[in-house]
Amino acid sequence: MLLFSTTHVNAECCDVHIVFARGSGELPGLGICGGPLVKGITSNLEGMSVSSYTVNYLASVAQTSAGPGATDMTKHVVAVAQQCPKTVFVLGGYSQGASVTDISISIKTMLGMG
């Protein structure tokens, strides 16, 4: 049973889908670590389709936005998984984004628990 609503994903299914949460204080996008991660994974999976999603959250310097980020990450993964059940996911984050990832997969952190 889902305790949150899922969003509809309007995209073609890929072999691998990378979901990344940028670090605290970084501008929206993949951030300083996410871009190289996506590039590295893509270059090592020649012949496979790879897509990425940037977690939509504030990434505030005050470290207060990990919970909402985890909610966005979880909703996105659930929506894609429902539409594309054969897609393999790579979840990651840098700095506060790592806490976003931990919370979304229910690992207890100093910033919360999923």
PDB file of N, CA and C in Angstrom:
ATOM      1  N   MET A   1       0.836  -1.178   0.000  1.00  0.00           N
ATOM      2  CA  MET A   1       0.000   0.000   0.000  1.00  0.00           C
ATOM      3  C   MET A   1       0.881   1.241   0.000  1.00  0.00           C
ATOM      4  N   LEU A   2       0.624   2.173  -0.909  1.00  0.00           N
ATOM      5  CA  LEU A   2       1.389   3.409  -0.984  1.00  0.00           C
ATOM      6  C   LEU A   2       0.742   4.471  -0.112  1.00  0.00           C
ATOM      7  N   LEU A   3       1.569   5.180   0.627  1.00  0.00           N
ATOM      8  CA  LEU A   3       1.062   6.231   1.498  1.00  0.00           C
ATOM      9  C   LEU A   3       1.220   7.610   0.885  1.00  0.00           C
ATOM     10  N   PHE A   4       1.578   7.664  -0.382  1.00  0.00           N
ATOM     11  CA  PHE A   4       1.740   8.936  -1.058  1.00  0.00           C
ATOM     12  C   PHE A   4       1.290   8.754  -2.495  1.00  0.00           C
ATOM     13  N   SER A   5       0.990   9.854  -3.141  1.00  0.00           N
ATOM     14  CA  SER A   5       0.565   9.750  -4.532  1.00  0.00           C
ATOM     15  C   SER A   5       1.793   9.672  -5.428  1.00  0.00           C
ATOM     16  N   THR A   6       1.654   8.972  -6.519  1.00  0.00           N
ATOM     17  CA  THR A   6       2.753   8.887  -7.467  1.00  0.00           C
ATOM     18  C   THR A   6       2.481   9.829  -8.620  1.00  0.00           C
ATOM     19  N   THR A   7       3.533  10.221  -9.286  1.00  0.00           N
ATOM     20  CA  THR A   7       3.388  11.076 -10.447  1.00  0.00           C
ATOM     21  C   THR A   7       3.482  10.211 -11.689  1.00  0.00           C
ATOM     22  N   HIS A   8       2.837  10.639 -12.738  1.00  0.00           N
ATOM     23  CA  HIS A   8       2.915   9.897 -13.990  1.00  0.00           C
ATOM     24  C   HIS A   8       4.196  10.298 -14.707  1.00  0.00           C
ATOM     25  N   VAL A   9       4.954   9.333 -15.126  1.00  0.00           N
ATOM     26  CA  VAL A   9       6.188   9.584 -15.854  1.00  0.00           C
ATOM     27  C   VAL A   9       5.888   9.393 -17.325  1.00  0.00           C
ATOM     28  N   ASN A  10       6.166  10.412 -18.091  1.00  0.00           N
ATOM     29  CA  ASN A  10       5.887  10.363 -19.512  1.00  0.00           C
ATOM     30  C   ASN A  10       7.205  10.257 -20.267  1.00  0.00           C
ATOM     31  N   ALA A  11       7.827   9.100 -20.215  1.00  0.00           N
ATOM     32  CA  ALA A  11       9.107   8.902 -20.868  1.00  0.00           C
ATOM     33  C   ALA A  11       9.208   7.466 -21.346  1.00  0.00           C
ATOM     34  N   GLU A  12      10.104   7.254 -22.300  1.00  0.00           N
ATOM     35  CA  GLU A  12      10.351   5.894 -22.745  1.00  0.00           C
ATOM     36  C   GLU A  12      11.172   5.176 -21.684  1.00  0.00           C
ATOM     37  N   CYS A  13      10.946   3.906 -21.549  1.00  0.00           N
ATOM     38  CA  CYS A  13      11.686   3.125 -20.561  1.00  0.00           C
ATOM     39  C   CYS A  13      13.127   2.938 -21.011  1.00  0.00           C
ATOM     40  N   CYS A  14      14.026   2.994 -20.051  1.00  0.00           N
ATOM     41  CA  CYS A  14      15.457   2.821 -20.298  1.00  0.00           C
ATOM     42  C   CYS A  14      15.932   1.558 -19.601  1.00  0.00           C
ATOM     43  N   ASP A  15      17.127   1.133 -19.974  1.00  0.00           N
ATOM     44  CA  ASP A  15      17.737   0.002 -19.276  1.00  0.00           C
ATOM     45  C   ASP A  15      18.126   0.402 -17.856  1.00  0.00           C
ATOM     46  N   VAL A  16      18.710   1.600 -17.726  1.00  0.00           N
ATOM     47  CA  VAL A  16      19.204   2.088 -16.435  1.00  0.00           C
ATOM     48  C   VAL A  16      18.718   3.517 -16.235  1.00  0.00           C
ATOM     49  N   HIS A  17      18.225   3.806 -15.049  1.00  0.00           N
ATOM     50  CA  HIS A  17      17.757   5.158 -14.714  1.00  0.00           C
ATOM     51  C   HIS A  17      18.467   5.621 -13.447  1.00  0.00           C
ATOM     52  N   ILE A  18      19.207   6.715 -13.564  1.00  0.00           N
ATOM     53  CA  ILE A  18      19.973   7.261 -12.447  1.00  0.00           C
ATOM     54  C   ILE A  18      19.164   8.376 -11.801  1.00  0.00           C
ATOM     55  N   VAL A  19      18.996   8.311 -10.493  1.00  0.00           N
ATOM     56  CA  VAL A  19      18.281   9.336  -9.733  1.00  0.00           C
ATOM     57  C   VAL A  19      19.293   9.917  -8.753  1.00  0.00           C
ATOM     58  N   PHE A  20      19.552  11.230  -8.862  1.00  0.00           N
ATOM     59  CA  PHE A  20      20.621  11.839  -8.071  1.00  0.00           C
ATOM     60  C   PHE A  20      20.134  13.103  -7.370  1.00  0.00           C
ATOM     61  N   ALA A  21      20.557  13.267  -6.113  1.00  0.00           N
ATOM     62  CA  ALA A  21      20.239  14.459  -5.314  1.00  0.00           C
ATOM     63  C   ALA A  21      21.527  15.249  -5.078  1.00  0.00           C
ATOM     64  N   ARG A  22      21.539  16.485  -5.527  1.00  0.00           N
ATOM     65  CA  ARG A  22      22.731  17.336  -5.401  1.00  0.00           C
ATOM     66  C   ARG A  22      23.012  17.671  -3.943  1.00  0.00           C
ATOM     67  N   GLY A  23      24.172  18.268  -3.708  1.00  0.00           N
ATOM     68  CA  GLY A  23      24.589  18.607  -2.354  1.00  0.00           C
ATOM     69  C   GLY A  23      24.043  19.928  -1.854  1.00  0.00           C
ATOM     70  N   SER A  24      24.203  20.153  -0.569  1.00  0.00           N
ATOM     71  CA  SER A  24      23.731  21.378   0.090  1.00  0.00           C
ATOM     72  C   SER A  24      24.318  22.616  -0.573  1.00  0.00           C
ATOM     73  N   GLY A  25      23.453  23.576  -0.864  1.00  0.00           N
ATOM     74  CA  GLY A  25      23.879  24.846  -1.427  1.00  0.00           C
ATOM     75  C   GLY A  25      24.149  24.832  -2.918  1.00  0.00           C
ATOM     76  N   GLU A  26      24.065  23.674  -3.562  1.00  0.00           N
ATOM     77  CA  GLU A  26      24.301  23.619  -5.002  1.00  0.00           C
ATOM     78  C   GLU A  26      23.059  24.075  -5.757  1.00  0.00           C
ATOM     79  N   LEU A  27      23.283  24.639  -6.931  1.00  0.00           N
ATOM     80  CA  LEU A  27      22.180  25.063  -7.783  1.00  0.00           C
ATOM     81  C   LEU A  27      21.427  23.837  -8.299  1.00  0.00           C
ATOM     82  N   PRO A  28      20.155  24.001  -8.665  1.00  0.00           N
ATOM     83  CA  PRO A  28      19.391  22.872  -9.202  1.00  0.00           C
ATOM     84  C   PRO A  28      20.115  22.213 -10.378  1.00  0.00           C
ATOM     85  N   GLY A  29      19.998  20.920 -10.457  1.00  0.00           N
ATOM     86  CA  GLY A  29      20.684  20.127 -11.478  1.00  0.00           C
ATOM     87  C   GLY A  29      21.386  18.961 -10.811  1.00  0.00           C
ATOM     88  N   LEU A  30      22.304  18.353 -11.516  1.00  0.00           N
ATOM     89  CA  LEU A  30      23.008  17.191 -10.989  1.00  0.00           C
ATOM     90  C   LEU A  30      24.122  17.541 -10.007  1.00  0.00           C
ATOM     91  N   GLY A  31      24.555  18.802  -9.977  1.00  0.00           N
ATOM     92  CA  GLY A  31      25.598  19.204  -9.040  1.00  0.00           C
ATOM     93  C   GLY A  31      26.986  18.752  -9.467  1.00  0.00           C
ATOM     94  N   ILE A  32      27.963  18.988  -8.586  1.00  0.00           N
ATOM     95  CA  ILE A  32      29.356  18.726  -8.940  1.00  0.00           C
ATOM     96  C   ILE A  32      29.692  17.240  -9.018  1.00  0.00           C
ATOM     97  N   CYS A  33      28.946  16.408  -8.370  1.00  0.00           N
ATOM     98  CA  CYS A  33      29.210  14.958  -8.390  1.00  0.00           C
ATOM     99  C   CYS A  33      28.263  14.191  -9.304  1.00  0.00           C
ATOM    100  N   GLY A  34      27.043  14.654  -9.426  1.00  0.00           N
ATOM    101  CA  GLY A  34      26.050  13.921 -10.210  1.00  0.00           C
ATOM    102  C   GLY A  34      26.361  13.864 -11.694  1.00  0.00           C
ATOM    103  N   GLY A  35      26.820  14.981 -12.246  1.00  0.00           N
ATOM    104  CA  GLY A  35      27.162  15.014 -13.673  1.00  0.00           C
ATOM    105  C   GLY A  35      28.238  13.997 -14.034  1.00  0.00           C
ATOM    106  N   PRO A  36      29.379  14.024 -13.317  1.00  0.00           N
ATOM    107  CA  PRO A  36      30.412  13.021 -13.598  1.00  0.00           C
ATOM    108  C   PRO A  36      29.940  11.583 -13.354  1.00  0.00           C
ATOM    109  N   LEU A  37      29.074  11.381 -12.360  1.00  0.00           N
ATOM    110  CA  LEU A  37      28.547  10.038 -12.097  1.00  0.00           C
ATOM    111  C   LEU A  37      27.737   9.540 -13.290  1.00  0.00           C
ATOM    112  N   VAL A  38      26.827  10.373 -13.771  1.00  0.00           N
ATOM    113  CA  VAL A  38      25.995   9.991 -14.916  1.00  0.00           C
ATOM    114  C   VAL A  38      26.874   9.729 -16.138  1.00  0.00           C
ATOM    115  N   LYS A  39      27.851  10.605 -16.369  1.00  0.00           N
ATOM    116  CA  LYS A  39      28.753  10.439 -17.515  1.00  0.00           C
ATOM    117  C   LYS A  39      29.537   9.131 -17.400  1.00  0.00           C
ATOM    118  N   GLY A  40      30.054   8.840 -16.211  1.00  0.00           N
ATOM    119  CA  GLY A  40      30.831   7.620 -16.007  1.00  0.00           C
ATOM    120  C   GLY A  40      30.007   6.362 -16.188  1.00  0.00           C
ATOM    121  N   ILE A  41      28.807   6.359 -15.629  1.00  0.00           N
ATOM    122  CA  ILE A  41      27.940   5.184 -15.770  1.00  0.00           C
ATOM    123  C   ILE A  41      27.559   4.990 -17.233  1.00  0.00           C
ATOM    124  N   THR A  42      27.174   6.078 -17.888  1.00  0.00           N
ATOM    125  CA  THR A  42      26.769   6.000 -19.291  1.00  0.00           C
ATOM    126  C   THR A  42      27.902   5.471 -20.165  1.00  0.00           C
ATOM    127  N   SER A  43      29.120   5.960 -19.938  1.00  0.00           N
ATOM    128  CA  SER A  43      30.250   5.527 -20.770  1.00  0.00           C
ATOM    129  C   SER A  43      30.625   4.067 -20.525  1.00  0.00           C
ATOM    130  N   ASN A  44      30.291   3.534 -19.373  1.00  0.00           N
ATOM    131  CA  ASN A  44      30.607   2.140 -19.064  1.00  0.00           C
ATOM    132  C   ASN A  44      29.488   1.166 -19.421  1.00  0.00           C
ATOM    133  N   LEU A  45      28.374   1.682 -19.880  1.00  0.00           N
ATOM    134  CA  LEU A  45      27.243   0.822 -20.244  1.00  0.00           C
ATOM    135  C   LEU A  45      26.921   0.970 -21.726  1.00  0.00           C
ATOM    136  N   GLU A  46      27.947   0.888 -22.541  1.00  0.00           N
ATOM    137  CA  GLU A  46      27.777   1.035 -23.978  1.00  0.00           C
ATOM    138  C   GLU A  46      26.753   0.026 -24.496  1.00  0.00           C
ATOM    139  N   GLY A  47      25.850   0.512 -25.309  1.00  0.00           N
ATOM    140  CA  GLY A  47      24.812  -0.344 -25.865  1.00  0.00           C
ATOM    141  C   GLY A  47      23.548  -0.402 -25.026  1.00  0.00           C
ATOM    142  N   MET A  48      23.590   0.201 -23.847  1.00  0.00           N
ATOM    143  CA  MET A  48      22.402   0.239 -22.985  1.00  0.00           C
ATOM    144  C   MET A  48      21.873   1.669 -22.952  1.00  0.00           C
ATOM    145  N   SER A  49      20.573   1.805 -22.803  1.00  0.00           N
ATOM    146  CA  SER A  49      19.997   3.143 -22.686  1.00  0.00           C
ATOM    147  C   SER A  49      20.041   3.580 -21.219  1.00  0.00           C
ATOM    148  N   VAL A  50      20.492   4.817 -21.011  1.00  0.00           N
ATOM    149  CA  VAL A  50      20.638   5.368 -19.664  1.00  0.00           C
ATOM    150  C   VAL A  50      19.953   6.726 -19.624  1.00  0.00           C
ATOM    151  N   SER A  51      19.163   6.953 -18.582  1.00  0.00           N
ATOM    152  CA  SER A  51      18.542   8.258 -18.369  1.00  0.00           C
ATOM    153  C   SER A  51      18.825   8.698 -16.938  1.00  0.00           C
ATOM    154  N   SER A  52      18.566   9.980 -16.673  1.00  0.00           N
ATOM    155  CA  SER A  52      18.795  10.470 -15.309  1.00  0.00           C
ATOM    156  C   SER A  52      17.688  11.422 -14.894  1.00  0.00           C
ATOM    157  N   TYR A  53      17.545  11.554 -13.592  1.00  0.00           N
ATOM    158  CA  TYR A  53      16.562  12.451 -12.987  1.00  0.00           C
ATOM    159  C   TYR A  53      17.244  13.176 -11.839  1.00  0.00           C
ATOM    160  N   THR A  54      17.044  14.471 -11.790  1.00  0.00           N
ATOM    161  CA  THR A  54      17.559  15.284 -10.698  1.00  0.00           C
ATOM    162  C   THR A  54      16.463  15.443  -9.656  1.00  0.00           C
ATOM    163  N   VAL A  55      16.749  15.067  -8.422  1.00  0.00           N
ATOM    164  CA  VAL A  55      15.762  15.188  -7.348  1.00  0.00           C
ATOM    165  C   VAL A  55      15.400  16.655  -7.169  1.00  0.00           C
ATOM    166  N   ASN A  56      14.111  16.920  -7.084  1.00  0.00           N
ATOM    167  CA  ASN A  56      13.593  18.276  -6.935  1.00  0.00           C
ATOM    168  C   ASN A  56      13.453  18.596  -5.447  1.00  0.00           C
ATOM    169  N   TYR A  57      14.459  19.300  -4.918  1.00  0.00           N
ATOM    170  CA  TYR A  57      14.406  19.726  -3.513  1.00  0.00           C
ATOM    171  C   TYR A  57      15.317  20.931  -3.333  1.00  0.00           C
ATOM    172  N   LEU A  58      15.177  21.643  -2.213  1.00  0.00           N
ATOM    173  CA  LEU A  58      15.909  22.891  -1.999  1.00  0.00           C
ATOM    174  C   LEU A  58      17.413  22.716  -1.851  1.00  0.00           C
ATOM    175  N   ALA A  59      17.867  21.645  -1.268  1.00  0.00           N
ATOM    176  CA  ALA A  59      19.290  21.444  -0.964  1.00  0.00           C
ATOM    177  C   ALA A  59      19.808  22.612  -0.124  1.00  0.00           C
ATOM    178  N   SER A  60      19.015  23.021   0.857  1.00  0.00           N
ATOM    179  CA  SER A  60      19.349  24.184   1.677  1.00  0.00           C
ATOM    180  C   SER A  60      20.605  23.948   2.503  1.00  0.00           C
ATOM    181  N   VAL A  61      21.373  25.003   2.679  1.00  0.00           N
ATOM    182  CA  VAL A  61      22.597  24.931   3.476  1.00  0.00           C
ATOM    183  C   VAL A  61      22.266  24.555   4.913  1.00  0.00           C
ATOM    184  N   ALA A  62      21.077  24.903   5.373  1.00  0.00           N
ATOM    185  CA  ALA A  62      20.658  24.600   6.748  1.00  0.00           C
ATOM    186  C   ALA A  62      20.353  23.112   6.954  1.00  0.00           C
ATOM    187  N   GLN A  63      20.482  22.304   5.907  1.00  0.00           N
ATOM    188  CA  GLN A  63      20.276  20.853   5.999  1.00  0.00           C
ATOM    189  C   GLN A  63      18.848  20.482   6.427  1.00  0.00           C
ATOM    190  N   THR A  64      17.876  21.268   5.997  1.00  0.00           N
ATOM    191  CA  THR A  64      16.497  21.022   6.417  1.00  0.00           C
ATOM    192  C   THR A  64      15.604  20.461   5.311  1.00  0.00           C
ATOM    193  N   SER A  65      16.166  20.194   4.159  1.00  0.00           N
ATOM    194  CA  SER A  65      15.307  19.787   3.043  1.00  0.00           C
ATOM    195  C   SER A  65      15.481  18.330   2.621  1.00  0.00           C
ATOM    196  N   ALA A  66      16.195  17.545   3.413  1.00  0.00           N
ATOM    197  CA  ALA A  66      16.407  16.139   3.048  1.00  0.00           C
ATOM    198  C   ALA A  66      15.095  15.354   3.022  1.00  0.00           C
ATOM    199  N   GLY A  67      14.204  15.610   3.966  1.00  0.00           N
ATOM    200  CA  GLY A  67      12.920  14.896   4.005  1.00  0.00           C
ATOM    201  C   GLY A  67      12.095  15.113   2.753  1.00  0.00           C
ATOM    202  N   PRO A  68      11.848  16.382   2.364  1.00  0.00           N
ATOM    203  CA  PRO A  68      11.111  16.617   1.125  1.00  0.00           C
ATOM    204  C   PRO A  68      11.836  16.061  -0.105  1.00  0.00           C
ATOM    205  N   GLY A  69      13.157  16.100  -0.084  1.00  0.00           N
ATOM    206  CA  GLY A  69      13.919  15.520  -1.191  1.00  0.00           C
ATOM    207  C   GLY A  69      13.707  14.018  -1.285  1.00  0.00           C
ATOM    208  N   ALA A  70      13.705  13.359  -0.132  1.00  0.00           N
ATOM    209  CA  ALA A  70      13.477  11.911  -0.104  1.00  0.00           C
ATOM    210  C   ALA A  70      12.083  11.571  -0.616  1.00  0.00           C
ATOM    211  N   THR A  71      11.115  12.402  -0.289  1.00  0.00           N
ATOM    212  CA  THR A  71       9.754  12.193  -0.790  1.00  0.00           C
ATOM    213  C   THR A  71       9.732  12.284  -2.309  1.00  0.00           C
ATOM    214  N   ASP A  72      10.411  13.301  -2.863  1.00  0.00           N
ATOM    215  CA  ASP A  72      10.455  13.450  -4.315  1.00  0.00           C
ATOM    216  C   ASP A  72      11.164  12.262  -4.964  1.00  0.00           C
ATOM    217  N   MET A  73      12.293  11.847  -4.382  1.00  0.00           N
ATOM    218  CA  MET A  73      13.036  10.712  -4.934  1.00  0.00           C
ATOM    219  C   MET A  73      12.172   9.453  -4.932  1.00  0.00           C
ATOM    220  N   THR A  74      11.520   9.190  -3.818  1.00  0.00           N
ATOM    221  CA  THR A  74      10.702   7.988  -3.692  1.00  0.00           C
ATOM    222  C   THR A  74       9.536   8.009  -4.672  1.00  0.00           C
ATOM    223  N   LYS A  75       8.835   9.132  -4.757  1.00  0.00           N
ATOM    224  CA  LYS A  75       7.710   9.241  -5.693  1.00  0.00           C
ATOM    225  C   LYS A  75       8.171   9.000  -7.126  1.00  0.00           C
ATOM    226  N   HIS A  76       9.317   9.570  -7.471  1.00  0.00           N
ATOM    227  CA  HIS A  76       9.818   9.418  -8.837  1.00  0.00           C
ATOM    228  C   HIS A  76      10.168   7.958  -9.137  1.00  0.00           C
ATOM    229  N   VAL A  77      10.894   7.325  -8.227  1.00  0.00           N
ATOM    230  CA  VAL A  77      11.288   5.928  -8.444  1.00  0.00           C
ATOM    231  C   VAL A  77      10.056   5.031  -8.562  1.00  0.00           C
ATOM    232  N   VAL A  78       9.087   5.226  -7.695  1.00  0.00           N
ATOM    233  CA  VAL A  78       7.867   4.412  -7.744  1.00  0.00           C
ATOM    234  C   VAL A  78       7.144   4.615  -9.076  1.00  0.00           C
ATOM    235  N   ALA A  79       7.033   5.856  -9.518  1.00  0.00           N
ATOM    236  CA  ALA A  79       6.334   6.142 -10.772  1.00  0.00           C
ATOM    237  C   ALA A  79       7.041   5.502 -11.962  1.00  0.00           C
ATOM    238  N   VAL A  80       8.362   5.624 -12.015  1.00  0.00           N
ATOM    239  CA  VAL A  80       9.108   5.024 -13.127  1.00  0.00           C
ATOM    240  C   VAL A  80       9.027   3.501 -13.053  1.00  0.00           C
ATOM    241  N   ALA A  81       9.169   2.941 -11.857  1.00  0.00           N
ATOM    242  CA  ALA A  81       9.128   1.481 -11.697  1.00  0.00           C
ATOM    243  C   ALA A  81       7.777   0.910 -12.121  1.00  0.00           C
ATOM    244  N   GLN A  82       6.707   1.644 -11.863  1.00  0.00           N
ATOM    245  CA  GLN A  82       5.381   1.176 -12.271  1.00  0.00           C
ATOM    246  C   GLN A  82       5.240   1.181 -13.788  1.00  0.00           C
ATOM    247  N   GLN A  83       5.812   2.188 -14.425  1.00  0.00           N
ATOM    248  CA  GLN A  83       5.721   2.303 -15.877  1.00  0.00           C
ATOM    249  C   GLN A  83       6.762   1.427 -16.583  1.00  0.00           C
ATOM    250  N   CYS A  84       7.909   1.246 -15.948  1.00  0.00           N
ATOM    251  CA  CYS A  84       9.041   0.552 -16.571  1.00  0.00           C
ATOM    252  C   CYS A  84       9.598  -0.511 -15.624  1.00  0.00           C
ATOM    253  N   PRO A  85       8.908  -1.619 -15.446  1.00  0.00           N
ATOM    254  CA  PRO A  85       9.308  -2.601 -14.435  1.00  0.00           C
ATOM    255  C   PRO A  85      10.656  -3.274 -14.680  1.00  0.00           C
ATOM    256  N   LYS A  86      11.188  -3.209 -15.885  1.00  0.00           N
ATOM    257  CA  LYS A  86      12.484  -3.842 -16.164  1.00  0.00           C
ATOM    258  C   LYS A  86      13.659  -2.880 -15.998  1.00  0.00           C
ATOM    259  N   THR A  87      13.389  -1.617 -15.736  1.00  0.00           N
ATOM    260  CA  THR A  87      14.449  -0.625 -15.568  1.00  0.00           C
ATOM    261  C   THR A  87      15.209  -0.873 -14.271  1.00  0.00           C
ATOM    262  N   VAL A  88      16.534  -0.764 -14.353  1.00  0.00           N
ATOM    263  CA  VAL A  88      17.406  -0.865 -13.180  1.00  0.00           C
ATOM    264  C   VAL A  88      17.679   0.556 -12.697  1.00  0.00           C
ATOM    265  N   PHE A  89      17.618   0.768 -11.381  1.00  0.00           N
ATOM    266  CA  PHE A  89      17.822   2.096 -10.809  1.00  0.00           C
ATOM    267  C   PHE A  89      19.183   2.213 -10.147  1.00  0.00           C
ATOM    268  N   VAL A  90      19.779   3.396 -10.294  1.00  0.00           N
ATOM    269  CA  VAL A  90      20.967   3.776  -9.543  1.00  0.00           C
ATOM    270  C   VAL A  90      20.574   5.024  -8.770  1.00  0.00           C
ATOM    271  N   LEU A  91      20.594   4.948  -7.441  1.00  0.00           N
ATOM    272  CA  LEU A  91      20.241   6.092  -6.605  1.00  0.00           C
ATOM    273  C   LEU A  91      21.507   6.640  -5.979  1.00  0.00           C
ATOM    274  N   GLY A  92      21.614   7.959  -5.935  1.00  0.00           N
ATOM    275  CA  GLY A  92      22.798   8.547  -5.326  1.00  0.00           C
ATOM    276  C   GLY A  92      22.571   9.978  -4.922  1.00  0.00           C
ATOM    277  N   GLY A  93      23.522  10.481  -4.152  1.00  0.00           N
ATOM    278  CA  GLY A  93      23.474  11.865  -3.719  1.00  0.00           C
ATOM    279  C   GLY A  93      24.794  12.266  -3.114  1.00  0.00           C
ATOM    280  N   TYR A  94      25.000  13.561  -3.062  1.00  0.00           N
ATOM    281  CA  TYR A  94      26.217  14.131  -2.498  1.00  0.00           C
ATOM    282  C   TYR A  94      25.831  15.038  -1.336  1.00  0.00           C
ATOM    283  N   SER A  95      26.564  14.968  -0.244  1.00  0.00           N
ATOM    284  CA  SER A  95      26.327  15.822   0.916  1.00  0.00           C
ATOM    285  C   SER A  95      24.905  15.561   1.432  1.00  0.00           C
ATOM    286  N   GLN A  96      24.090  16.596   1.545  1.00  0.00           N
ATOM    287  CA  GLN A  96      22.709  16.408   1.990  1.00  0.00           C
ATOM    288  C   GLN A  96      21.954  15.473   1.041  1.00  0.00           C
ATOM    289  N   GLY A  97      22.359  15.463  -0.215  1.00  0.00           N
ATOM    290  CA  GLY A  97      21.750  14.559  -1.188  1.00  0.00           C
ATOM    291  C   GLY A  97      21.959  13.095  -0.833  1.00  0.00           C
ATOM    292  N   ALA A  98      23.070  12.789  -0.161  1.00  0.00           N
ATOM    293  CA  ALA A  98      23.287  11.418   0.310  1.00  0.00           C
ATOM    294  C   ALA A  98      22.268  11.069   1.388  1.00  0.00           C
ATOM    295  N   SER A  99      21.945  12.034   2.244  1.00  0.00           N
ATOM    296  CA  SER A  99      20.902  11.811   3.252  1.00  0.00           C
ATOM    297  C   SER A  99      19.541  11.639   2.595  1.00  0.00           C
ATOM    298  N   VAL A 100      19.283  12.404   1.538  1.00  0.00           N
ATOM    299  CA  VAL A 100      18.040  12.237   0.775  1.00  0.00           C
ATOM    300  C   VAL A 100      17.922  10.786   0.320  1.00  0.00           C
ATOM    301  N   THR A 101      19.004  10.266  -0.231  1.00  0.00           N
ATOM    302  CA  THR A 101      19.014   8.889  -0.730  1.00  0.00           C
ATOM    303  C   THR A 101      18.821   7.896   0.407  1.00  0.00           C
ATOM    304  N   ASP A 102      19.558   8.088   1.498  1.00  0.00           N
ATOM    305  CA  ASP A 102      19.432   7.190   2.655  1.00  0.00           C
ATOM    306  C   ASP A 102      18.005   7.162   3.191  1.00  0.00           C
ATOM    307  N   ILE A 103      17.426   8.341   3.355  1.00  0.00           N
ATOM    308  CA  ILE A 103      16.064   8.421   3.890  1.00  0.00           C
ATOM    309  C   ILE A 103      15.081   7.741   2.937  1.00  0.00           C
ATOM    310  N   SER A 104      15.264   7.947   1.639  1.00  0.00           N
ATOM    311  CA  SER A 104      14.315   7.369   0.677  1.00  0.00           C
ATOM    312  C   SER A 104      14.361   5.847   0.657  1.00  0.00           C
ATOM    313  N   ILE A 105      15.482   5.259   1.052  1.00  0.00           N
ATOM    314  CA  ILE A 105      15.552   3.790   1.105  1.00  0.00           C
ATOM    315  C   ILE A 105      15.516   3.285   2.547  1.00  0.00           C
ATOM    316  N   SER A 106      15.058   4.159   3.441  1.00  0.00           N
ATOM    317  CA  SER A 106      14.801   3.824   4.855  1.00  0.00           C
ATOM    318  C   SER A 106      16.044   3.493   5.672  1.00  0.00           C
ATOM    319  N   ILE A 107      17.127   4.210   5.414  1.00  0.00           N
ATOM    320  CA  ILE A 107      18.305   4.114   6.270  1.00  0.00           C
ATOM    321  C   ILE A 107      18.270   5.310   7.212  1.00  0.00           C
ATOM    322  N   LYS A 108      18.352   5.074   8.506  1.00  0.00           N
ATOM    323  CA  LYS A 108      18.280   6.150   9.486  1.00  0.00           C
ATOM    324  C   LYS A 108      19.507   7.055   9.359  1.00  0.00           C
ATOM    325  N   THR A 109      19.261   8.371   9.336  1.00  0.00           N
ATOM    326  CA  THR A 109      20.337   9.360   9.294  1.00  0.00           C
ATOM    327  C   THR A 109      20.095  10.392  10.383  1.00  0.00           C
ATOM    328  N   MET A 110      21.051  11.293  10.551  1.00  0.00           N
ATOM    329  CA  MET A 110      20.879  12.391  11.508  1.00  0.00           C
ATOM    330  C   MET A 110      19.772  13.333  11.056  1.00  0.00           C
ATOM    331  N   LEU A 111      19.431  13.304   9.761  1.00  0.00           N
ATOM    332  CA  LEU A 111      18.422  14.208   9.216  1.00  0.00           C
ATOM    333  C   LEU A 111      17.038  13.583   9.137  1.00  0.00           C
ATOM    334  N   GLY A 112      16.922  12.313   9.488  1.00  0.00           N
ATOM    335  CA  GLY A 112      15.600  11.690   9.469  1.00  0.00           C
ATOM    336  C   GLY A 112      15.649  10.227   9.110  1.00  0.00           C
ATOM    337  N   MET A 113      14.473   9.673   8.957  1.00  0.00           N
ATOM    338  CA  MET A 113      14.319   8.257   8.615  1.00  0.00           C
ATOM    339  C   MET A 113      13.142   8.128   7.679  1.00  0.00           C
ATOM    340  N   GLY A 114      13.301   7.352   6.617  1.00  0.00           N
ATOM    341  CA  GLY A 114      12.225   7.168   5.648  1.00  0.00           C
ATOM    342  C   GLY A 114      11.148   6.264   6.164  1.00  0.00           C
TER     343      GLY A 114
END
